[in-house]
C-alpha cells in the first residue's frame, strides 16, 4: 500500500537513493507529495507514466533538494509544458 510505503520512507534518515520504476502516475504522485526527498542524492522515477498536470511537485522537489545530483524521468508522459514547469 502506497500510504504505508511513503510513511516508511518519510521516517528513514538513511536513504539517499531511490529507484521507483514502472509503477503508475498515481503512485508516483503519491510518492512525490508524501515523502521528504530533501536529503536524497538520486531518484529514478523512470516509466511511471508521470505527468504534472500543472502541478509543481517535481520542480518543488528540485528546488528543495540541493544534494540531488541525479533525477531520472525517462519514459514518462512529460510534455513541453511539463518541462517548463520543471525547469
Protein backbone atom coordinates (compact mmCIF):
# COMPACT_ATOMS: atom_id res chain seq x y z
CA UNK A 1 0.00 0.00 0.00
CA UNK A 2 1.42 3.40 -1.03
CA UNK A 3 0.41 5.08 2.20
CA UNK A 4 2.48 2.64 4.24
CA UNK A 5 5.39 2.87 1.78
CA UNK A 6 5.50 6.68 1.85
CA UNK A 7 5.29 6.71 5.65
CA UNK A 8 8.20 4.26 5.89
CA UNK A 9 10.32 6.34 3.51
CA UNK A 10 9.46 9.53 5.38
CA UNK A 11 10.69 8.03 8.64
CA UNK A 12 14.00 6.84 7.23
CA UNK A 13 17.01 9.13 7.63
CA UNK A 14 19.46 6.81 5.91
CA UNK A 15 18.02 6.52 2.40
CA UNK A 16 19.91 8.63 -0.16
CA UNK A 17 18.86 6.91 -3.39
CA UNK A 18 15.52 5.59 -4.54
CA UNK A 19 14.51 3.68 -7.63
CA UNK A 20 10.74 3.74 -8.09
CA UNK A 21 10.19 2.49 -11.63
CA UNK A 22 7.32 1.06 -13.63
CA UNK A 23 4.54 1.89 -11.21
CA UNK A 24 1.85 4.38 -12.15
CA UNK A 25 1.32 8.12 -12.31
CA UNK A 26 -0.91 7.90 -9.24
CA UNK A 27 1.68 6.01 -7.17
CA UNK A 28 4.50 8.30 -8.33
CA UNK A 29 2.43 11.38 -7.45
CA UNK A 30 1.69 9.90 -4.01
CA UNK A 31 5.41 9.40 -3.55
CA UNK A 32 6.25 12.94 -4.68
CA UNK A 33 3.70 14.53 -2.38
CA UNK A 34 4.14 12.19 0.58
CA UNK A 35 7.91 11.90 1.06
CA UNK A 36 10.52 14.46 2.05
CA UNK A 37 13.30 13.99 -0.51
CA UNK A 38 15.40 16.91 0.75
CA UNK A 39 18.44 14.72 1.51
CA UNK A 40 18.25 12.34 -1.45
CA UNK A 41 21.10 12.27 -3.94
CA UNK A 42 19.46 10.17 -6.66
CA UNK A 43 15.87 9.50 -7.69
CA UNK A 44 14.87 7.20 -10.52
CA UNK A 45 11.22 7.70 -11.44
CA UNK A 46 11.51 6.08 -14.87
CA UNK A 47 8.49 4.54 -16.55
CA UNK A 48 5.72 5.70 -14.23
CA UNK A 49 3.60 7.46 -16.89
CA UNK A 50 4.29 10.52 -14.76
CA UNK A 51 2.71 13.82 -15.80
CA UNK A 52 2.49 17.05 -13.89
CA UNK A 53 -0.99 18.17 -14.98
CA UNK A 54 0.08 21.67 -13.96
CA UNK A 55 1.33 20.64 -10.51
CA UNK A 56 4.76 21.78 -9.35
CA UNK A 57 5.72 18.66 -7.36
CA UNK A 58 8.83 17.91 -9.44
CA UNK A 59 10.09 21.49 -9.63
CA UNK A 60 9.45 21.92 -5.88
CA UNK A 61 11.41 18.72 -5.24
CA UNK A 62 14.38 20.03 -7.23
CA UNK A 63 14.29 23.46 -5.56
CA UNK A 64 14.12 21.99 -2.06
CA UNK A 65 16.84 19.40 -2.61
CA UNK A 66 20.36 20.80 -3.09
CA UNK A 67 22.06 17.36 -2.65
CA UNK A 68 20.13 15.89 -5.63
CA UNK A 69 22.63 15.05 -8.37
CA UNK A 70 20.58 12.59 -10.43
CA UNK A 71 16.90 12.64 -11.37
CA UNK A 72 15.74 10.13 -13.98
CA UNK A 73 12.37 10.99 -15.50
CA UNK A 74 12.82 8.89 -18.66
CA UNK A 75 9.85 7.06 -20.18
CA UNK A 76 7.12 9.18 -18.61
CA UNK A 77 4.39 11.31 -20.15
CA UNK A 78 6.02 14.67 -19.61
CA UNK A 79 5.45 17.23 -22.36
CA UNK A 80 6.89 20.65 -23.23
CA UNK A 81 4.68 22.42 -20.68
CA UNK A 82 5.89 19.98 -18.02
CA UNK A 83 9.50 20.71 -18.99
CA UNK A 84 8.89 24.43 -18.49
CA UNK A 85 7.40 23.77 -15.04
CA UNK A 86 10.30 21.50 -14.08
CA UNK A 87 12.97 23.90 -15.37
